[in-house]
Amino acid sequence: LALLGELWPLVSMRLNFFTPTKKPTGYATTADGRRKRLYDTPRTPWQRVLASGLLSAQQVRAVQTRIEGVNPADLTRRINQIQLRLIDLSRDRTEAMTASRHLDMASLEPSIRRLQTTR
């Protein structure tokens, strides 16, 4: 449980400050009459809040101080390390459960291998 408590703020920070997303803005019609979804330019949730003008200057400074000096690559590496520790902690139980229920874990191997290369 402590690992999950450590993981959540890191994931939240990466998502809100370093992961740009596209938001749907509407539909258009193509030349052949099909509907096409329109999206805005990718921005992080933090950039969207800044652009909205809802925060006071003091609130903006407080958040900018919080994210100042955070390296997104280091943040991602730390998240991956915690995820690997969680996988290691759950391995025995998972293997016992899959054996008792005859589940195929081979399909998860590519994901596990991808995480393990970041160690």
PDB file of N, CA and C in Angstrom:
ATOM      1  N   LEU A   1       0.826  -1.202   0.000  1.00  0.00           N
ATOM      2  CA  LEU A   1       0.000   0.000   0.000  1.00  0.00           C
ATOM      3  C   LEU A   1       0.867   1.261   0.000  1.00  0.00           C
ATOM      4  N   ALA A   2       2.007   1.186   0.670  1.00  0.00           N
ATOM      5  CA  ALA A   2       2.912   2.340   0.700  1.00  0.00           C
ATOM      6  C   ALA A   2       3.441   2.649  -0.697  1.00  0.00           C
ATOM      7  N   LEU A   3       3.719   1.593  -1.470  1.00  0.00           N
ATOM      8  CA  LEU A   3       4.210   1.800  -2.834  1.00  0.00           C
ATOM      9  C   LEU A   3       3.161   2.490  -3.698  1.00  0.00           C
ATOM     10  N   LEU A   4       1.909   2.090  -3.534  1.00  0.00           N
ATOM     11  CA  LEU A   4       0.841   2.736  -4.303  1.00  0.00           C
ATOM     12  C   LEU A   4       0.700   4.203  -3.902  1.00  0.00           C
ATOM     13  N   GLY A   5       0.863   4.476  -2.608  1.00  0.00           N
ATOM     14  CA  GLY A   5       0.815   5.854  -2.131  1.00  0.00           C
ATOM     15  C   GLY A   5       1.957   6.693  -2.677  1.00  0.00           C
ATOM     16  N   GLU A   6       3.085   6.051  -2.926  1.00  0.00           N
ATOM     17  CA  GLU A   6       4.234   6.737  -3.512  1.00  0.00           C
ATOM     18  C   GLU A   6       4.050   6.915  -5.020  1.00  0.00           C
ATOM     19  N   LEU A   7       3.394   5.942  -5.645  1.00  0.00           N
ATOM     20  CA  LEU A   7       3.222   5.943  -7.095  1.00  0.00           C
ATOM     21  C   LEU A   7       2.216   6.995  -7.563  1.00  0.00           C
ATOM     22  N   TRP A   8       1.100   7.117  -6.865  1.00  0.00           N
ATOM     23  CA  TRP A   8       0.014   7.966  -7.339  1.00  0.00           C
ATOM     24  C   TRP A   8       0.420   9.427  -7.563  1.00  0.00           C
ATOM     25  N   PRO A   9       1.108  10.099  -6.626  1.00  0.00           N
ATOM     26  CA  PRO A   9       1.481  11.499  -6.885  1.00  0.00           C
ATOM     27  C   PRO A   9       2.415  11.654  -8.088  1.00  0.00           C
ATOM     28  N   LEU A  10       3.280  10.668  -8.304  1.00  0.00           N
ATOM     29  CA  LEU A  10       4.195  10.729  -9.446  1.00  0.00           C
ATOM     30  C   LEU A  10       3.433  10.608 -10.764  1.00  0.00           C
ATOM     31  N   VAL A  11       2.491   9.666 -10.814  1.00  0.00           N
ATOM     32  CA  VAL A  11       1.687   9.483 -12.028  1.00  0.00           C
ATOM     33  C   VAL A  11       0.828  10.724 -12.271  1.00  0.00           C
ATOM     34  N   SER A  12       0.274  11.262 -11.216  1.00  0.00           N
ATOM     35  CA  SER A  12      -0.550  12.462 -11.335  1.00  0.00           C
ATOM     36  C   SER A  12       0.273  13.634 -11.872  1.00  0.00           C
ATOM     37  N   MET A  13       1.488  13.793 -11.368  1.00  0.00           N
ATOM     38  CA  MET A  13       2.343  14.879 -11.835  1.00  0.00           C
ATOM     39  C   MET A  13       2.695  14.703 -13.310  1.00  0.00           C
ATOM     40  N   ARG A  14       3.052  13.484 -13.695  1.00  0.00           N
ATOM     41  CA  ARG A  14       3.409  13.248 -15.097  1.00  0.00           C
ATOM     42  C   ARG A  14       2.212  13.516 -16.009  1.00  0.00           C
ATOM     43  N   LEU A  15       1.042  13.042 -15.606  1.00  0.00           N
ATOM     44  CA  LEU A  15      -0.151  13.220 -16.430  1.00  0.00           C
ATOM     45  C   LEU A  15      -0.551  14.689 -16.544  1.00  0.00           C
ATOM     46  N   ASN A  16      -0.585  15.397 -15.431  1.00  0.00           N
ATOM     47  CA  ASN A  16      -1.099  16.766 -15.427  1.00  0.00           C
ATOM     48  C   ASN A  16      -0.128  17.822 -15.945  1.00  0.00           C
ATOM     49  N   PHE A  17       1.178  17.555 -15.843  1.00  0.00           N
ATOM     50  CA  PHE A  17       2.143  18.581 -16.219  1.00  0.00           C
ATOM     51  C   PHE A  17       2.991  18.235 -17.434  1.00  0.00           C
ATOM     52  N   PHE A  18       3.085  16.949 -17.798  1.00  0.00           N
ATOM     53  CA  PHE A  18       4.018  16.564 -18.850  1.00  0.00           C
ATOM     54  C   PHE A  18       3.414  15.716 -19.962  1.00  0.00           C
ATOM     55  N   THR A  19       2.101  15.432 -19.919  1.00  0.00           N
ATOM     56  CA  THR A  19       1.483  14.591 -20.939  1.00  0.00           C
ATOM     57  C   THR A  19       0.429  15.388 -21.711  1.00  0.00           C
ATOM     58  N   PRO A  20       0.783  15.874 -22.906  1.00  0.00           N
ATOM     59  CA  PRO A  20      -0.204  16.604 -23.701  1.00  0.00           C
ATOM     60  C   PRO A  20      -1.277  15.666 -24.255  1.00  0.00           C
ATOM     61  N   THR A  21      -2.495  16.163 -24.304  1.00  0.00           N
ATOM     62  CA  THR A  21      -3.602  15.384 -24.864  1.00  0.00           C
ATOM     63  C   THR A  21      -4.400  16.255 -25.833  1.00  0.00           C
ATOM     64  N   LYS A  22      -5.075  15.589 -26.763  1.00  0.00           N
ATOM     65  CA  LYS A  22      -5.974  16.277 -27.695  1.00  0.00           C
ATOM     66  C   LYS A  22      -7.388  16.171 -27.138  1.00  0.00           C
ATOM     67  N   LYS A  23      -8.132  17.244 -27.252  1.00  0.00           N
ATOM     68  CA  LYS A  23      -9.530  17.237 -26.829  1.00  0.00           C
ATOM     69  C   LYS A  23     -10.413  17.421 -28.059  1.00  0.00           C
ATOM     70  N   PRO A  24     -11.493  16.642 -28.164  1.00  0.00           N
ATOM     71  CA  PRO A  24     -12.401  16.818 -29.301  1.00  0.00           C
ATOM     72  C   PRO A  24     -13.110  18.170 -29.212  1.00  0.00           C
ATOM     73  N   THR A  25     -13.218  18.837 -30.360  1.00  0.00           N
ATOM     74  CA  THR A  25     -13.878  20.147 -30.383  1.00  0.00           C
ATOM     75  C   THR A  25     -15.146  20.142 -31.223  1.00  0.00           C
ATOM     76  N   GLY A  26     -15.338  19.120 -32.030  1.00  0.00           N
ATOM     77  CA  GLY A  26     -16.543  19.076 -32.848  1.00  0.00           C
ATOM     78  C   GLY A  26     -16.385  18.137 -34.023  1.00  0.00           C
ATOM     79  N   TYR A  27     -17.261  18.327 -35.000  1.00  0.00           N
ATOM     80  CA  TYR A  27     -17.255  17.492 -36.194  1.00  0.00           C
ATOM     81  C   TYR A  27     -17.217  18.372 -37.430  1.00  0.00           C
ATOM     82  N   ALA A  28     -16.666  17.815 -38.495  1.00  0.00           N
ATOM     83  CA  ALA A  28     -16.700  18.456 -39.814  1.00  0.00           C
ATOM     84  C   ALA A  28     -17.151  17.400 -40.806  1.00  0.00           C
ATOM     85  N   THR A  29     -17.530  17.827 -41.979  1.00  0.00           N
ATOM     86  CA  THR A  29     -17.944  16.896 -43.022  1.00  0.00           C
ATOM     87  C   THR A  29     -16.881  16.890 -44.109  1.00  0.00           C
ATOM     88  N   THR A  30     -16.437  15.696 -44.488  1.00  0.00           N
ATOM     89  CA  THR A  30     -15.435  15.577 -45.543  1.00  0.00           C
ATOM     90  C   THR A  30     -16.097  15.773 -46.901  1.00  0.00           C
ATOM     91  N   ALA A  31     -15.288  15.821 -47.956  1.00  0.00           N
ATOM     92  CA  ALA A  31     -15.802  16.033 -49.316  1.00  0.00           C
ATOM     93  C   ALA A  31     -16.760  14.927 -49.738  1.00  0.00           C
ATOM     94  N   ASP A  32     -16.552  13.721 -49.218  1.00  0.00           N
ATOM     95  CA  ASP A  32     -17.439  12.612 -49.592  1.00  0.00           C
ATOM     96  C   ASP A  32     -18.610  12.440 -48.623  1.00  0.00           C
ATOM     97  N   GLY A  33     -18.821  13.409 -47.722  1.00  0.00           N
ATOM     98  CA  GLY A  33     -19.992  13.390 -46.857  1.00  0.00           C
ATOM     99  C   GLY A  33     -19.820  12.675 -45.528  1.00  0.00           C
ATOM    100  N   ARG A  34     -18.651  12.178 -45.244  1.00  0.00           N
ATOM    101  CA  ARG A  34     -18.431  11.496 -43.964  1.00  0.00           C
ATOM    102  C   ARG A  34     -18.143  12.514 -42.861  1.00  0.00           C
ATOM    103  N   ARG A  35     -18.540  12.145 -41.651  1.00  0.00           N
ATOM    104  CA  ARG A  35     -18.248  13.002 -40.505  1.00  0.00           C
ATOM    105  C   ARG A  35     -16.829  12.730 -40.022  1.00  0.00           C
ATOM    106  N   LYS A  36     -16.130  13.798 -39.721  1.00  0.00           N
ATOM    107  CA  LYS A  36     -14.760  13.687 -39.243  1.00  0.00           C
ATOM    108  C   LYS A  36     -14.659  14.437 -37.923  1.00  0.00           C
ATOM    109  N   ARG A  37     -14.073  13.808 -36.922  1.00  0.00           N
ATOM    110  CA  ARG A  37     -13.923  14.427 -35.608  1.00  0.00           C
ATOM    111  C   ARG A  37     -12.808  15.467 -35.662  1.00  0.00           C
ATOM    112  N   LEU A  38     -13.027  16.619 -35.081  1.00  0.00           N
ATOM    113  CA  LEU A  38     -12.028  17.680 -35.021  1.00  0.00           C
ATOM    114  C   LEU A  38     -11.464  17.770 -33.607  1.00  0.00           C
ATOM    115  N   TYR A  39     -10.159  18.029 -33.508  1.00  0.00           N
ATOM    116  CA  TYR A  39      -9.487  18.116 -32.215  1.00  0.00           C
ATOM    117  C   TYR A  39      -8.723  19.429 -32.113  1.00  0.00           C
ATOM    118  N   ASP A  40      -8.533  19.889 -30.890  1.00  0.00           N
ATOM    119  CA  ASP A  40      -7.699  21.067 -30.689  1.00  0.00           C
ATOM    120  C   ASP A  40      -6.226  20.650 -30.681  1.00  0.00           C
ATOM    121  N   THR A  41      -5.340  21.610 -30.482  1.00  0.00           N
ATOM    122  CA  THR A  41      -3.918  21.276 -30.437  1.00  0.00           C
ATOM    123  C   THR A  41      -3.611  20.589 -29.107  1.00  0.00           C
ATOM    124  N   PRO A  42      -2.708  19.616 -29.108  1.00  0.00           N
ATOM    125  CA  PRO A  42      -2.385  18.914 -27.861  1.00  0.00           C
ATOM    126  C   PRO A  42      -1.770  19.866 -26.829  1.00  0.00           C
ATOM    127  N   ARG A  43      -2.303  19.816 -25.626  1.00  0.00           N
ATOM    128  CA  ARG A  43      -1.782  20.593 -24.498  1.00  0.00           C
ATOM    129  C   ARG A  43      -1.931  19.767 -23.236  1.00  0.00           C
ATOM    130  N   THR A  44      -1.107  20.068 -22.249  1.00  0.00           N
ATOM    131  CA  THR A  44      -1.222  19.376 -20.969  1.00  0.00           C
ATOM    132  C   THR A  44      -2.404  19.963 -20.195  1.00  0.00           C
ATOM    133  N   PRO A  45      -2.942  19.227 -19.230  1.00  0.00           N
ATOM    134  CA  PRO A  45      -4.002  19.803 -18.394  1.00  0.00           C
ATOM    135  C   PRO A  45      -3.558  21.107 -17.718  1.00  0.00           C
ATOM    136  N   TRP A  46      -2.295  21.175 -17.315  1.00  0.00           N
ATOM    137  CA  TRP A  46      -1.787  22.400 -16.694  1.00  0.00           C
ATOM    138  C   TRP A  46      -1.838  23.570 -17.676  1.00  0.00           C
ATOM    139  N   GLN A  47      -1.461  23.350 -18.924  1.00  0.00           N
ATOM    140  CA  GLN A  47      -1.522  24.413 -19.929  1.00  0.00           C
ATOM    141  C   GLN A  47      -2.963  24.864 -20.161  1.00  0.00           C
ATOM    142  N   ARG A  48      -3.895  23.940 -20.112  1.00  0.00           N
ATOM    143  CA  ARG A  48      -5.310  24.287 -20.297  1.00  0.00           C
ATOM    144  C   ARG A  48      -5.824  25.151 -19.138  1.00  0.00           C
ATOM    145  N   VAL A  49      -5.422  24.802 -17.914  1.00  0.00           N
ATOM    146  CA  VAL A  49      -5.845  25.591 -16.753  1.00  0.00           C
ATOM    147  C   VAL A  49      -5.230  26.987 -16.823  1.00  0.00           C
ATOM    148  N   LEU A  50      -3.956  27.066 -17.189  1.00  0.00           N
ATOM    149  CA  LEU A  50      -3.309  28.378 -17.320  1.00  0.00           C
ATOM    150  C   LEU A  50      -4.034  29.248 -18.344  1.00  0.00           C
ATOM    151  N   ALA A  51      -4.370  28.659 -19.482  1.00  0.00           N
ATOM    152  CA  ALA A  51      -5.037  29.413 -20.545  1.00  0.00           C
ATOM    153  C   ALA A  51      -6.442  29.858 -20.142  1.00  0.00           C
ATOM    154  N   SER A  52      -7.062  29.146 -19.216  1.00  0.00           N
ATOM    155  CA  SER A  52      -8.429  29.493 -18.811  1.00  0.00           C
ATOM    156  C   SER A  52      -8.483  30.771 -17.986  1.00  0.00           C
ATOM    157  N   GLY A  53      -7.380  31.120 -17.316  1.00  0.00           N
ATOM    158  CA  GLY A  53      -7.353  32.322 -16.492  1.00  0.00           C
ATOM    159  C   GLY A  53      -8.094  32.185 -15.175  1.00  0.00           C
ATOM    160  N   LEU A  54      -8.360  30.970 -14.739  1.00  0.00           N
ATOM    161  CA  LEU A  54      -9.111  30.748 -13.505  1.00  0.00           C
ATOM    162  C   LEU A  54      -8.264  30.881 -12.240  1.00  0.00           C
ATOM    163  N   LEU A  55      -6.941  30.775 -12.381  1.00  0.00           N
ATOM    164  CA  LEU A  55      -6.066  30.799 -11.210  1.00  0.00           C
ATOM    165  C   LEU A  55      -5.524  32.200 -10.951  1.00  0.00           C
ATOM    166  N   SER A  56      -5.313  32.489  -9.676  1.00  0.00           N
ATOM    167  CA  SER A  56      -4.680  33.763  -9.325  1.00  0.00           C
ATOM    168  C   SER A  56      -3.178  33.655  -9.592  1.00  0.00           C
ATOM    169  N   ALA A  57      -2.511  34.789  -9.614  1.00  0.00           N
ATOM    170  CA  ALA A  57      -1.059  34.802  -9.847  1.00  0.00           C
ATOM    171  C   ALA A  57      -0.335  34.008  -8.762  1.00  0.00           C
ATOM    172  N   GLN A  58      -0.826  34.095  -7.538  1.00  0.00           N
ATOM    173  CA  GLN A  58      -0.211  33.361  -6.426  1.00  0.00           C
ATOM    174  C   GLN A  58      -0.360  31.851  -6.630  1.00  0.00           C
ATOM    175  N   GLN A  59      -1.521  31.401  -7.074  1.00  0.00           N
ATOM    176  CA  GLN A  59      -1.730  29.974  -7.331  1.00  0.00           C
ATOM    177  C   GLN A  59      -0.839  29.487  -8.467  1.00  0.00           C
ATOM    178  N   VAL A  60      -0.704  30.289  -9.508  1.00  0.00           N
ATOM    179  CA  VAL A  60       0.153  29.921 -10.641  1.00  0.00           C
ATOM    180  C   VAL A  60       1.591  29.785 -10.174  1.00  0.00           C
ATOM    181  N   ARG A  61       2.072  30.754  -9.377  1.00  0.00           N
ATOM    182  CA  ARG A  61       3.443  30.686  -8.863  1.00  0.00           C
ATOM    183  C   ARG A  61       3.652  29.448  -8.004  1.00  0.00           C
ATOM    184  N   ALA A  62       2.665  29.111  -7.173  1.00  0.00           N
ATOM    185  CA  ALA A  62       2.793  27.945  -6.296  1.00  0.00           C
ATOM    186  C   ALA A  62       2.937  26.661  -7.111  1.00  0.00           C
ATOM    187  N   VAL A  63       2.147  26.525  -8.158  1.00  0.00           N
ATOM    188  CA  VAL A  63       2.223  25.320  -8.990  1.00  0.00           C
ATOM    189  C   VAL A  63       3.515  25.306  -9.790  1.00  0.00           C
ATOM    190  N   GLN A  64       3.905  26.447 -10.332  1.00  0.00           N
ATOM    191  CA  GLN A  64       5.144  26.500 -11.104  1.00  0.00           C
ATOM    192  C   GLN A  64       6.352  26.189 -10.228  1.00  0.00           C
ATOM    193  N   THR A  65       6.313  26.606  -8.986  1.00  0.00           N
ATOM    194  CA  THR A  65       7.388  26.268  -8.047  1.00  0.00           C
ATOM    195  C   THR A  65       7.427  24.766  -7.815  1.00  0.00           C
ATOM    196  N   ARG A  66       6.262  24.165  -7.743  1.00  0.00           N
ATOM    197  CA  ARG A  66       6.181  22.714  -7.512  1.00  0.00           C
ATOM    198  C   ARG A  66       6.781  21.919  -8.672  1.00  0.00           C
ATOM    199  N   ILE A  67       6.545  22.345  -9.903  1.00  0.00           N
ATOM    200  CA  ILE A  67       7.011  21.560 -11.048  1.00  0.00           C
ATOM    201  C   ILE A  67       8.383  22.000 -11.552  1.00  0.00           C
ATOM    202  N   GLU A  68       8.878  23.122 -11.026  1.00  0.00           N
ATOM    203  CA  GLU A  68      10.179  23.620 -11.459  1.00  0.00           C
ATOM    204  C   GLU A  68      11.275  22.611 -11.100  1.00  0.00           C
ATOM    205  N   GLY A  69      12.099  22.298 -12.047  1.00  0.00           N
ATOM    206  CA  GLY A  69      13.212  21.386 -11.797  1.00  0.00           C
ATOM    207  C   GLY A  69      12.852  19.916 -11.874  1.00  0.00           C
ATOM    208  N   VAL A  70      11.597  19.591 -12.164  1.00  0.00           N
ATOM    209  CA  VAL A  70      11.207  18.182 -12.302  1.00  0.00           C
ATOM    210  C   VAL A  70      11.576  17.724 -13.707  1.00  0.00           C
ATOM    211  N   ASN A  71      12.352  16.672 -13.784  1.00  0.00           N
ATOM    212  CA  ASN A  71      12.763  16.112 -15.070  1.00  0.00           C
ATOM    213  C   ASN A  71      11.758  15.029 -15.459  1.00  0.00           C
ATOM    214  N   PRO A  72      11.033  15.193 -16.570  1.00  0.00           N
ATOM    215  CA  PRO A  72      10.030  14.200 -16.959  1.00  0.00           C
ATOM    216  C   PRO A  72      10.614  12.800 -17.167  1.00  0.00           C
ATOM    217  N   ALA A  73      11.835  12.713 -17.673  1.00  0.00           N
ATOM    218  CA  ALA A  73      12.455  11.399 -17.884  1.00  0.00           C
ATOM    219  C   ALA A  73      12.746  10.723 -16.548  1.00  0.00           C
ATOM    220  N   ASP A  74      13.258  11.486 -15.576  1.00  0.00           N
ATOM    221  CA  ASP A  74      13.508  10.919 -14.246  1.00  0.00           C
ATOM    222  C   ASP A  74      12.199  10.509 -13.581  1.00  0.00           C
ATOM    223  N   LEU A  75      11.180  11.313 -13.775  1.00  0.00           N
ATOM    224  CA  LEU A  75       9.861  11.010 -13.213  1.00  0.00           C
ATOM    225  C   LEU A  75       9.337   9.688 -13.772  1.00  0.00           C
ATOM    226  N   THR A  76       9.456   9.504 -15.075  1.00  0.00           N
ATOM    227  CA  THR A  76       9.005   8.267 -15.716  1.00  0.00           C
ATOM    228  C   THR A  76       9.825   7.075 -15.239  1.00  0.00           C
ATOM    229  N   ARG A  77      11.136   7.255 -15.099  1.00  0.00           N
ATOM    230  CA  ARG A  77      11.979   6.159 -14.592  1.00  0.00           C
ATOM    231  C   ARG A  77      11.566   5.755 -13.184  1.00  0.00           C
ATOM    232  N   ARG A  78      11.272   6.740 -12.338  1.00  0.00           N
ATOM    233  CA  ARG A  78      10.853   6.448 -10.958  1.00  0.00           C
ATOM    234  C   ARG A  78       9.516   5.701 -10.958  1.00  0.00           C
ATOM    235  N   ILE A  79       8.592   6.116 -11.805  1.00  0.00           N
ATOM    236  CA  ILE A  79       7.299   5.428 -11.915  1.00  0.00           C
ATOM    237  C   ILE A  79       7.518   3.981 -12.340  1.00  0.00           C
ATOM    238  N   ASN A  80       8.371   3.770 -13.336  1.00  0.00           N
ATOM    239  CA  ASN A  80       8.648   2.408 -13.806  1.00  0.00           C
ATOM    240  C   ASN A  80       9.295   1.555 -12.723  1.00  0.00           C
ATOM    241  N   GLN A  81      10.189   2.138 -11.921  1.00  0.00           N
ATOM    242  CA  GLN A  81      10.819   1.390 -10.833  1.00  0.00           C
ATOM    243  C   GLN A  81       9.778   0.922  -9.820  1.00  0.00           C
ATOM    244  N   ILE A  82       8.877   1.807  -9.456  1.00  0.00           N
ATOM    245  CA  ILE A  82       7.834   1.440  -8.488  1.00  0.00           C
ATOM    246  C   ILE A  82       6.920   0.372  -9.078  1.00  0.00           C
ATOM    247  N   GLN A  83       6.565   0.508 -10.351  1.00  0.00           N
ATOM    248  CA  GLN A  83       5.719  -0.500 -10.993  1.00  0.00           C
ATOM    249  C   GLN A  83       6.404  -1.865 -10.992  1.00  0.00           C
ATOM    250  N   LEU A  84       7.701  -1.883 -11.244  1.00  0.00           N
ATOM    251  CA  LEU A  84       8.433  -3.155 -11.226  1.00  0.00           C
ATOM    252  C   LEU A  84       8.457  -3.759  -9.830  1.00  0.00           C
ATOM    253  N   ARG A  85       8.610  -2.918  -8.804  1.00  0.00           N
ATOM    254  CA  ARG A  85       8.575  -3.435  -7.432  1.00  0.00           C
ATOM    255  C   ARG A  85       7.202  -4.024  -7.118  1.00  0.00           C
ATOM    256  N   LEU A  86       6.148  -3.364  -7.590  1.00  0.00           N
ATOM    257  CA  LEU A  86       4.798  -3.896  -7.380  1.00  0.00           C
ATOM    258  C   LEU A  86       4.617  -5.233  -8.098  1.00  0.00           C
ATOM    259  N   ILE A  87       5.157  -5.331  -9.309  1.00  0.00           N
ATOM    260  CA  ILE A  87       5.082  -6.596 -10.051  1.00  0.00           C
ATOM    261  C   ILE A  87       5.828  -7.689  -9.302  1.00  0.00           C
ATOM    262  N   ASP A  88       7.023  -7.361  -8.794  1.00  0.00           N
ATOM    263  CA  ASP A  88       7.802  -8.350  -8.040  1.00  0.00           C
ATOM    264  C   ASP A  88       7.055  -8.810  -6.790  1.00  0.00           C
ATOM    265  N   LEU A  89       6.433  -7.861  -6.090  1.00  0.00           N
ATOM    266  CA  LEU A  89       5.697  -8.212  -4.874  1.00  0.00           C
ATOM    267  C   LEU A  89       4.486  -9.101  -5.163  1.00  0.00           C
ATOM    268  N   SER A  90       3.888  -8.925  -6.321  1.00  0.00           N
ATOM    269  CA  SER A  90       2.676  -9.689  -6.631  1.00  0.00           C
ATOM    270  C   SER A  90       2.950 -10.965  -7.421  1.00  0.00           C
ATOM    271  N   ARG A  91       4.201 -11.198  -7.801  1.00  0.00           N
ATOM    272  CA  ARG A  91       4.527 -12.314  -8.691  1.00  0.00           C
ATOM    273  C   ARG A  91       4.075 -13.676  -8.129  1.00  0.00           C
ATOM    274  N   ASP A  92       4.416 -13.985  -6.879  1.00  0.00           N
ATOM    275  CA  ASP A  92       4.074 -15.299  -6.315  1.00  0.00           C
ATOM    276  C   ASP A  92       2.565 -15.526  -6.298  1.00  0.00           C
ATOM    277  N   ARG A  93       1.837 -14.534  -5.826  1.00  0.00           N
ATOM    278  CA  ARG A  93       0.375 -14.669  -5.782  1.00  0.00           C
ATOM    279  C   ARG A  93      -0.217 -14.803  -7.181  1.00  0.00           C
ATOM    280  N   THR A  94       0.310 -14.012  -8.107  1.00  0.00           N
ATOM    281  CA  THR A  94      -0.201 -14.042  -9.479  1.00  0.00           C
ATOM    282  C   THR A  94       0.048 -15.396 -10.122  1.00  0.00           C
ATOM    283  N   GLU A  95       1.259 -15.916  -9.942  1.00  0.00           N
ATOM    284  CA  GLU A  95       1.575 -17.220 -10.528  1.00  0.00           C
ATOM    285  C   GLU A  95       0.715 -18.320  -9.921  1.00  0.00           C
ATOM    286  N   ALA A  96       0.483 -18.256  -8.614  1.00  0.00           N
ATOM    287  CA  ALA A  96      -0.368 -19.254  -7.968  1.00  0.00           C
ATOM    288  C   ALA A  96      -1.802 -19.160  -8.488  1.00  0.00           C
ATOM    289  N   MET A  97      -2.298 -17.951  -8.647  1.00  0.00           N
ATOM    290  CA  MET A  97      -3.659 -17.764  -9.139  1.00  0.00           C
ATOM    291  C   MET A  97      -3.791 -18.237 -10.584  1.00  0.00           C
ATOM    292  N   THR A  98      -2.814 -17.900 -11.421  1.00  0.00           N
ATOM    293  CA  THR A  98      -2.905 -18.322 -12.817  1.00  0.00           C
ATOM    294  C   THR A  98      -2.820 -19.832 -12.945  1.00  0.00           C
ATOM    295  N   ALA A  99      -2.029 -20.459 -12.090  1.00  0.00           N
ATOM    296  CA  ALA A  99      -1.926 -21.920 -12.131  1.00  0.00           C
ATOM    297  C   ALA A  99      -3.241 -22.560 -11.703  1.00  0.00           C
ATOM    298  N   SER A 100      -3.868 -22.008 -10.671  1.00  0.00           N
ATOM    299  CA  SER A 100      -5.112 -22.603 -10.182  1.00  0.00           C
ATOM    300  C   SER A 100      -6.279 -22.375 -11.143  1.00  0.00           C
ATOM    301  N   ARG A 101      -6.227 -21.279 -11.896  1.00  0.00           N
ATOM    302  CA  ARG A 101      -7.331 -20.960 -12.811  1.00  0.00           C
ATOM    303  C   ARG A 101      -6.997 -21.254 -14.270  1.00  0.00           C
ATOM    304  N   HIS A 102      -5.822 -21.772 -14.521  1.00  0.00           N
ATOM    305  CA  HIS A 102      -5.367 -22.132 -15.868  1.00  0.00           C
ATOM    306  C   HIS A 102      -5.414 -20.933 -16.822  1.00  0.00           C
ATOM    307  N   LEU A 103      -4.884 -19.788 -16.353  1.00  0.00           N
ATOM    308  CA  LEU A 103      -4.855 -18.581 -17.178  1.00  0.00           C
ATOM    309  C   LEU A 103      -3.563 -18.529 -17.988  1.00  0.00           C
ATOM    310  N   ASP A 104      -3.606 -17.868 -19.139  1.00  0.00           N
ATOM    311  CA  ASP A 104      -2.444 -17.740 -20.009  1.00  0.00           C
ATOM    312  C   ASP A 104      -1.749 -16.410 -19.740  1.00  0.00           C
ATOM    313  N   MET A 105      -0.606 -16.458 -19.067  1.00  0.00           N
ATOM    314  CA  MET A 105       0.136 -15.243 -18.756  1.00  0.00           C
ATOM    315  C   MET A 105       1.094 -14.844 -19.871  1.00  0.00           C
ATOM    316  N   ALA A 106       1.235 -15.682 -20.880  1.00  0.00           N
ATOM    317  CA  ALA A 106       2.167 -15.384 -21.967  1.00  0.00           C
ATOM    318  C   ALA A 106       1.791 -14.087 -22.683  1.00  0.00           C
ATOM    319  N   SER A 107       0.524 -13.764 -22.715  1.00  0.00           N
ATOM    320  CA  SER A 107       0.098 -12.548 -23.411  1.00  0.00           C
ATOM    321  C   SER A 107       0.583 -11.281 -22.702  1.00  0.00           C
ATOM    322  N   LEU A 108       0.896 -11.385 -21.406  1.00  0.00           N
ATOM    323  CA  LEU A 108       1.378 -10.221 -20.664  1.00  0.00           C
ATOM    324  C   LEU A 108       2.894 -10.059 -20.717  1.00  0.00           C
ATOM    325  N   GLU A 109       3.593 -11.051 -21.201  1.00  0.00           N
ATOM    326  CA  GLU A 109       5.055 -11.011 -21.216  1.00  0.00           C
ATOM    327  C   GLU A 109       5.632  -9.797 -21.940  1.00  0.00           C
ATOM    328  N   PRO A 110       5.123  -9.391 -23.113  1.00  0.00           N
ATOM    329  CA  PRO A 110       5.705  -8.205 -23.765  1.00  0.00           C
ATOM    330  C   PRO A 110       5.649  -6.955 -22.883  1.00  0.00           C
ATOM    331  N   SER A 111       4.555  -6.759 -22.173  1.00  0.00           N
ATOM    332  CA  SER A 111       4.435  -5.593 -21.296  1.00  0.00           C
ATOM    333  C   SER A 111       5.412  -5.681 -20.137  1.00  0.00           C
ATOM    334  N   ILE A 112       5.538  -6.849 -19.561  1.00  0.00           N
ATOM    335  CA  ILE A 112       6.455  -7.030 -18.437  1.00  0.00           C
ATOM    336  C   ILE A 112       7.894  -6.817 -18.895  1.00  0.00           C
ATOM    337  N   ARG A 113       8.247  -7.351 -20.058  1.00  0.00           N
ATOM    338  CA  ARG A 113       9.606  -7.176 -20.580  1.00  0.00           C
ATOM    339  C   ARG A 113       9.904  -5.710 -20.858  1.00  0.00           C
ATOM    340  N   ARG A 114       8.920  -4.981 -21.373  1.00  0.00           N
ATOM    341  CA  ARG A 114       9.113  -3.562 -21.659  1.00  0.00           C
ATOM    342  C   ARG A 114       9.424  -2.800 -20.382  1.00  0.00           C
ATOM    343  N   LEU A 115       8.732  -3.113 -19.302  1.00  0.00           N
ATOM    344  CA  LEU A 115       8.988  -2.445 -18.032  1.00  0.00           C
ATOM    345  C   LEU A 115      10.343  -2.834 -17.456  1.00  0.00           C
ATOM    346  N   GLN A 116      10.732  -4.079 -17.622  1.00  0.00           N
ATOM    347  CA  GLN A 116      11.982  -4.543 -17.030  1.00  0.00           C
ATOM    348  C   GLN A 116      13.205  -3.943 -17.704  1.00  0.00           C
ATOM    349  N   THR A 117      13.103  -3.484 -18.935  1.00  0.00           N
ATOM    350  CA  THR A 117      14.262  -2.897 -19.612  1.00  0.00           C
ATOM    351  C   THR A 117      14.629  -1.541 -19.041  1.00  0.00           C
ATOM    352  N   THR A 118      13.747  -0.935 -18.250  1.00  0.00           N
ATOM    353  CA  THR A 118      14.032   0.380 -17.672  1.00  0.00           C
ATOM    354  C   THR A 118      14.730   0.280 -16.327  1.00  0.00           C
ATOM    355  N   ARG A 119      14.975  -0.895 -15.831  1.00  0.00           N
ATOM    356  CA  ARG A 119      15.625  -1.051 -14.519  1.00  0.00           C
ATOM    357  C   ARG A 119      16.967  -0.448 -14.459  1.00  0.00           C
TER     358      ARG A 119
END
